[in-house]
Amino acid sequence: MRISDLVHKARHGHGDGIQVDDHCLVNYSLADFHGLRQIDTKPILCRIQPFQVGLIPKRGCNQLEVQCYTPQTSQGCVKLAGRLGAVVSLSTNNTLGHQPSLGGRRFNSAPWRDQGI
């Protein structure tokens, strides 16, 4: 998805921000994020998987979400999210049961199943 596609989706969608999903993040440079901020003033939400931590653009995302979808890696994933100040996204099928261990920490719940990612 091109930057112009993200802007179009944000302007004509019902959301209050621009969402950059984990599968798209690798396609954007820091310059793309700065350009996106010039084109649209909506906040940018970046969603990553733990192994993508190196792709997070400095000052590119207003909010960060780390997808903690596999039970085997959920504890390390939650720690990573804490270190980054990110929202934790749990899988309703695999990791939502770990929610009590988050304490008062913010989290999202997604219906996706672990697909070996």
N, C-alpha and C. Protein backbone atom coordinates (compact mmCIF):
# COMPACT_ATOMS: atom_id res chain seq x y z
N MET A 1 0.85 -1.17 0.00
CA MET A 1 0.00 0.00 0.00
C MET A 1 0.90 1.24 0.00
N ARG A 2 0.62 2.14 -0.91
CA ARG A 2 1.40 3.38 -1.00
C ARG A 2 0.94 4.39 0.06
N ILE A 3 1.76 5.39 0.31
CA ILE A 3 1.42 6.44 1.26
C ILE A 3 0.12 7.11 0.85
N SER A 4 -0.04 7.38 -0.43
CA SER A 4 -1.28 8.02 -0.91
C SER A 4 -2.49 7.15 -0.62
N ASP A 5 -2.33 5.82 -0.67
CA ASP A 5 -3.42 4.91 -0.34
C ASP A 5 -3.78 5.00 1.15
N LEU A 6 -2.76 5.10 1.99
CA LEU A 6 -3.01 5.25 3.43
C LEU A 6 -3.80 6.52 3.72
N VAL A 7 -3.40 7.60 3.09
CA VAL A 7 -4.07 8.89 3.29
C VAL A 7 -5.51 8.80 2.81
N HIS A 8 -5.72 8.22 1.64
CA HIS A 8 -7.08 8.09 1.10
C HIS A 8 -7.95 7.27 2.05
N LYS A 9 -7.42 6.17 2.53
CA LYS A 9 -8.16 5.31 3.45
C LYS A 9 -8.50 6.05 4.74
N ALA A 10 -7.54 6.82 5.25
CA ALA A 10 -7.77 7.57 6.49
C ALA A 10 -8.81 8.68 6.29
N ARG A 11 -8.76 9.33 5.17
CA ARG A 11 -9.69 10.44 4.92
C ARG A 11 -11.11 9.97 4.64
N HIS A 12 -11.25 8.82 4.02
CA HIS A 12 -12.57 8.35 3.62
C HIS A 12 -13.10 7.22 4.49
N GLY A 13 -12.31 6.82 5.46
CA GLY A 13 -12.74 5.77 6.38
C GLY A 13 -13.42 6.36 7.60
N HIS A 14 -13.77 5.51 8.50
CA HIS A 14 -14.46 5.96 9.70
C HIS A 14 -13.52 6.05 10.90
N GLY A 15 -12.26 5.77 10.69
CA GLY A 15 -11.31 5.79 11.79
C GLY A 15 -10.85 7.20 12.14
N ASP A 16 -10.24 7.30 13.29
CA ASP A 16 -9.74 8.60 13.73
C ASP A 16 -8.23 8.68 13.61
N GLY A 17 -7.64 7.76 12.85
CA GLY A 17 -6.20 7.76 12.66
C GLY A 17 -5.81 6.98 11.42
N ILE A 18 -4.51 6.92 11.20
CA ILE A 18 -3.94 6.18 10.07
C ILE A 18 -3.26 4.95 10.65
N GLN A 19 -3.66 3.78 10.18
CA GLN A 19 -3.10 2.54 10.69
C GLN A 19 -2.10 1.96 9.69
N VAL A 20 -0.88 1.71 10.19
CA VAL A 20 0.15 1.06 9.38
C VAL A 20 0.34 -0.34 9.95
N ASP A 21 -0.13 -1.34 9.23
CA ASP A 21 -0.08 -2.71 9.71
C ASP A 21 1.31 -3.31 9.59
N ASP A 22 1.51 -4.37 10.35
CA ASP A 22 2.81 -5.04 10.40
C ASP A 22 3.28 -5.51 9.03
N HIS A 23 2.38 -5.97 8.18
CA HIS A 23 2.81 -6.46 6.87
C HIS A 23 3.14 -5.33 5.89
N CYS A 24 2.80 -4.09 6.23
CA CYS A 24 3.12 -2.93 5.37
C CYS A 24 4.31 -2.12 5.88
N LEU A 25 4.58 -2.21 7.16
CA LEU A 25 5.59 -1.36 7.78
C LEU A 25 6.95 -1.43 7.08
N VAL A 26 7.33 -2.59 6.63
CA VAL A 26 8.62 -2.77 5.99
C VAL A 26 8.75 -1.95 4.70
N ASN A 27 7.63 -1.57 4.11
CA ASN A 27 7.64 -0.84 2.84
C ASN A 27 7.84 0.67 2.98
N TYR A 28 7.84 1.19 4.21
CA TYR A 28 7.90 2.64 4.41
C TYR A 28 9.19 3.08 5.07
N SER A 29 9.73 4.17 4.57
CA SER A 29 10.94 4.75 5.15
C SER A 29 10.54 5.84 6.15
N LEU A 30 11.52 6.33 6.88
CA LEU A 30 11.27 7.43 7.80
C LEU A 30 10.78 8.65 7.03
N ALA A 31 11.33 8.87 5.85
CA ALA A 31 10.88 9.99 5.00
C ALA A 31 9.41 9.83 4.63
N ASP A 32 8.97 8.59 4.39
CA ASP A 32 7.56 8.35 4.10
C ASP A 32 6.68 8.76 5.27
N PHE A 33 7.11 8.42 6.49
CA PHE A 33 6.33 8.79 7.67
C PHE A 33 6.28 10.30 7.85
N HIS A 34 7.41 10.97 7.63
CA HIS A 34 7.41 12.43 7.73
C HIS A 34 6.52 13.05 6.66
N GLY A 35 6.55 12.48 5.46
CA GLY A 35 5.66 12.96 4.40
C GLY A 35 4.20 12.74 4.74
N LEU A 36 3.91 11.60 5.34
CA LEU A 36 2.55 11.30 5.76
C LEU A 36 2.05 12.32 6.78
N ARG A 37 2.92 12.71 7.69
CA ARG A 37 2.55 13.73 8.68
C ARG A 37 2.27 15.08 8.03
N GLN A 38 2.94 15.38 6.93
CA GLN A 38 2.71 16.64 6.23
C GLN A 38 1.38 16.63 5.48
N ILE A 39 0.98 15.45 5.00
CA ILE A 39 -0.23 15.32 4.20
C ILE A 39 -1.49 15.26 5.06
N ASP A 40 -1.40 14.59 6.20
CA ASP A 40 -2.58 14.37 7.03
C ASP A 40 -2.21 14.55 8.50
N THR A 41 -3.10 15.12 9.27
CA THR A 41 -2.82 15.40 10.68
C THR A 41 -3.32 14.31 11.63
N LYS A 42 -3.98 13.29 11.09
CA LYS A 42 -4.47 12.22 11.97
C LYS A 42 -3.30 11.47 12.59
N PRO A 43 -3.50 10.96 13.82
CA PRO A 43 -2.44 10.18 14.46
C PRO A 43 -2.13 8.90 13.68
N ILE A 44 -0.89 8.46 13.77
CA ILE A 44 -0.45 7.26 13.07
C ILE A 44 -0.28 6.13 14.08
N LEU A 45 -1.00 5.03 13.85
CA LEU A 45 -0.89 3.83 14.67
C LEU A 45 -0.07 2.80 13.91
N CYS A 46 1.02 2.36 14.51
CA CYS A 46 1.86 1.34 13.89
C CYS A 46 1.68 0.03 14.65
N ARG A 47 1.42 -1.04 13.90
CA ARG A 47 1.24 -2.36 14.48
C ARG A 47 2.41 -3.23 14.04
N ILE A 48 3.09 -3.83 15.02
CA ILE A 48 4.24 -4.67 14.70
C ILE A 48 4.12 -6.03 15.36
N GLN A 49 4.87 -6.97 14.83
CA GLN A 49 5.12 -8.23 15.50
C GLN A 49 6.47 -8.06 16.19
N PRO A 50 6.72 -8.82 17.26
CA PRO A 50 7.94 -8.60 18.04
C PRO A 50 9.24 -8.58 17.22
N PHE A 51 9.34 -9.41 16.20
CA PHE A 51 10.58 -9.46 15.42
C PHE A 51 10.78 -8.22 14.55
N GLN A 52 9.78 -7.35 14.47
CA GLN A 52 9.88 -6.14 13.64
C GLN A 52 10.29 -4.91 14.44
N VAL A 53 10.74 -5.09 15.65
CA VAL A 53 11.06 -3.96 16.51
C VAL A 53 12.08 -3.02 15.86
N GLY A 54 12.97 -3.53 15.05
CA GLY A 54 13.97 -2.70 14.38
C GLY A 54 13.40 -1.84 13.26
N LEU A 55 12.16 -2.09 12.87
CA LEU A 55 11.53 -1.33 11.78
C LEU A 55 10.76 -0.10 12.26
N ILE A 56 10.64 0.06 13.56
CA ILE A 56 9.85 1.17 14.08
C ILE A 56 10.55 2.49 13.75
N PRO A 57 9.88 3.37 13.02
CA PRO A 57 10.51 4.65 12.67
C PRO A 57 10.55 5.59 13.88
N LYS A 58 11.69 6.18 14.13
CA LYS A 58 11.80 7.14 15.23
C LYS A 58 10.88 8.33 14.96
N ARG A 59 10.04 8.64 15.91
CA ARG A 59 9.07 9.74 15.83
C ARG A 59 8.14 9.59 14.62
N GLY A 60 7.94 8.35 14.18
CA GLY A 60 7.05 8.13 13.05
C GLY A 60 5.64 7.73 13.45
N CYS A 61 5.51 7.11 14.63
CA CYS A 61 4.22 6.59 15.08
C CYS A 61 3.75 7.33 16.33
N ASN A 62 2.47 7.69 16.34
CA ASN A 62 1.90 8.30 17.55
C ASN A 62 1.57 7.23 18.58
N GLN A 63 1.19 6.07 18.11
CA GLN A 63 0.88 4.95 19.00
C GLN A 63 1.46 3.69 18.38
N LEU A 64 1.95 2.82 19.24
CA LEU A 64 2.54 1.57 18.80
C LEU A 64 1.78 0.42 19.44
N GLU A 65 1.53 -0.61 18.65
CA GLU A 65 0.86 -1.81 19.14
C GLU A 65 1.73 -3.00 18.79
N VAL A 66 2.00 -3.85 19.79
CA VAL A 66 2.79 -5.05 19.57
C VAL A 66 1.85 -6.25 19.61
N GLN A 67 1.87 -7.04 18.55
CA GLN A 67 0.97 -8.19 18.43
C GLN A 67 1.57 -9.40 19.14
N CYS A 68 0.96 -9.78 20.24
CA CYS A 68 1.42 -10.92 21.04
C CYS A 68 0.43 -12.06 20.85
N TYR A 69 0.59 -12.79 19.76
CA TYR A 69 -0.42 -13.77 19.35
C TYR A 69 -0.04 -15.21 19.62
N THR A 70 1.20 -15.49 19.98
CA THR A 70 1.59 -16.88 20.22
C THR A 70 1.89 -17.10 21.70
N PRO A 71 1.30 -18.14 22.29
CA PRO A 71 1.51 -18.40 23.72
C PRO A 71 2.98 -18.61 24.08
N GLN A 72 3.75 -19.21 23.18
CA GLN A 72 5.15 -19.51 23.47
C GLN A 72 5.99 -18.26 23.67
N THR A 73 5.61 -17.17 23.04
CA THR A 73 6.42 -15.96 23.11
C THR A 73 5.71 -14.80 23.80
N SER A 74 4.55 -15.07 24.38
CA SER A 74 3.73 -13.96 24.89
C SER A 74 4.40 -13.20 26.03
N GLN A 75 5.08 -13.88 26.95
CA GLN A 75 5.70 -13.16 28.07
C GLN A 75 6.79 -12.20 27.59
N GLY A 76 7.65 -12.66 26.69
CA GLY A 76 8.68 -11.79 26.14
C GLY A 76 8.09 -10.66 25.32
N CYS A 77 7.01 -10.96 24.63
CA CYS A 77 6.33 -9.96 23.81
C CYS A 77 5.74 -8.86 24.68
N VAL A 78 5.10 -9.25 25.78
CA VAL A 78 4.51 -8.27 26.69
C VAL A 78 5.60 -7.40 27.31
N LYS A 79 6.74 -8.00 27.63
CA LYS A 79 7.87 -7.22 28.17
C LYS A 79 8.37 -6.22 27.13
N LEU A 80 8.46 -6.66 25.88
CA LEU A 80 8.88 -5.76 24.80
C LEU A 80 7.91 -4.59 24.68
N ALA A 81 6.63 -4.88 24.69
CA ALA A 81 5.62 -3.82 24.60
C ALA A 81 5.78 -2.84 25.75
N GLY A 82 6.04 -3.35 26.94
CA GLY A 82 6.25 -2.48 28.10
C GLY A 82 7.45 -1.58 27.91
N ARG A 83 8.54 -2.14 27.41
CA ARG A 83 9.76 -1.36 27.17
C ARG A 83 9.52 -0.26 26.15
N LEU A 84 8.67 -0.54 25.16
CA LEU A 84 8.38 0.42 24.09
C LEU A 84 7.26 1.39 24.44
N GLY A 85 6.56 1.14 25.55
CA GLY A 85 5.39 1.95 25.89
C GLY A 85 4.24 1.69 24.93
N ALA A 86 4.17 0.47 24.43
CA ALA A 86 3.18 0.11 23.41
C ALA A 86 1.96 -0.58 24.01
N VAL A 87 0.89 -0.55 23.25
CA VAL A 87 -0.31 -1.31 23.58
C VAL A 87 -0.03 -2.76 23.19
N VAL A 88 -0.52 -3.69 24.00
CA VAL A 88 -0.39 -5.11 23.71
C VAL A 88 -1.63 -5.57 22.97
N SER A 89 -1.45 -6.31 21.89
CA SER A 89 -2.57 -6.91 21.18
C SER A 89 -2.52 -8.41 21.42
N LEU A 90 -3.60 -8.95 21.99
CA LEU A 90 -3.68 -10.38 22.30
C LEU A 90 -4.61 -11.07 21.32
N SER A 91 -4.36 -12.33 21.07
CA SER A 91 -5.21 -13.15 20.20
C SER A 91 -6.31 -13.78 21.05
N THR A 92 -7.56 -13.63 20.64
CA THR A 92 -8.66 -14.22 21.40
C THR A 92 -8.54 -15.73 21.46
N ASN A 93 -7.93 -16.33 20.47
CA ASN A 93 -7.82 -17.79 20.43
C ASN A 93 -6.59 -18.33 21.16
N ASN A 94 -5.53 -17.54 21.26
CA ASN A 94 -4.28 -18.08 21.78
C ASN A 94 -3.74 -17.41 23.04
N THR A 95 -3.84 -16.11 23.15
CA THR A 95 -3.15 -15.42 24.25
C THR A 95 -4.05 -14.55 25.11
N LEU A 96 -5.33 -14.47 24.83
CA LEU A 96 -6.21 -13.62 25.64
C LEU A 96 -6.22 -14.08 27.10
N GLY A 97 -5.99 -15.36 27.33
CA GLY A 97 -5.93 -15.89 28.69
C GLY A 97 -4.80 -15.29 29.51
N HIS A 98 -3.83 -14.66 28.87
CA HIS A 98 -2.71 -14.03 29.58
C HIS A 98 -3.06 -12.62 30.06
N GLN A 99 -4.24 -12.15 29.75
CA GLN A 99 -4.66 -10.79 30.10
C GLN A 99 -4.52 -10.49 31.59
N PRO A 100 -4.88 -11.40 32.51
CA PRO A 100 -4.72 -11.07 33.93
C PRO A 100 -3.28 -10.72 34.33
N SER A 101 -2.30 -11.28 33.63
CA SER A 101 -0.90 -10.99 33.96
C SER A 101 -0.47 -9.59 33.53
N LEU A 102 -1.33 -8.90 32.77
CA LEU A 102 -0.99 -7.55 32.32
C LEU A 102 -1.25 -6.50 33.38
N GLY A 103 -1.96 -6.86 34.44
CA GLY A 103 -2.32 -5.88 35.45
C GLY A 103 -3.24 -4.84 34.84
N GLY A 104 -2.94 -3.58 35.02
CA GLY A 104 -3.76 -2.51 34.49
C GLY A 104 -3.34 -2.04 33.11
N ARG A 105 -2.42 -2.75 32.51
CA ARG A 105 -1.87 -2.36 31.21
C ARG A 105 -2.94 -2.40 30.11
N ARG A 106 -2.89 -1.43 29.20
CA ARG A 106 -3.82 -1.38 28.07
C ARG A 106 -3.54 -2.53 27.11
N PHE A 107 -4.63 -3.08 26.56
CA PHE A 107 -4.46 -4.14 25.56
C PHE A 107 -5.64 -4.13 24.60
N ASN A 108 -5.42 -4.72 23.45
CA ASN A 108 -6.47 -4.96 22.46
C ASN A 108 -6.63 -6.46 22.33
N SER A 109 -7.73 -6.87 21.78
CA SER A 109 -7.95 -8.29 21.52
C SER A 109 -8.30 -8.45 20.04
N ALA A 110 -7.62 -9.38 19.38
CA ALA A 110 -7.85 -9.63 17.96
C ALA A 110 -8.31 -11.08 17.76
N PRO A 111 -9.21 -11.31 16.83
CA PRO A 111 -9.75 -12.66 16.64
C PRO A 111 -8.86 -13.59 15.83
N TRP A 112 -7.67 -13.15 15.43
CA TRP A 112 -6.84 -13.98 14.55
C TRP A 112 -6.22 -15.14 15.28
N ARG A 113 -6.09 -16.22 14.55
CA ARG A 113 -5.42 -17.41 15.07
C ARG A 113 -3.94 -17.34 14.72
N ASP A 114 -3.15 -18.03 15.52
CA ASP A 114 -1.72 -18.13 15.23
C ASP A 114 -1.54 -18.87 13.92
N GLN A 115 -0.83 -18.26 12.99
CA GLN A 115 -0.60 -18.88 11.70
C GLN A 115 0.88 -19.21 11.53
N GLY A 116 1.55 -19.42 12.66
CA GLY A 116 2.96 -19.76 12.60
C GLY A 116 3.85 -18.59 12.30
N ILE A 117 3.40 -17.41 12.60
CA ILE A 117 4.17 -16.20 12.31
C ILE A 117 5.17 -15.97 13.42
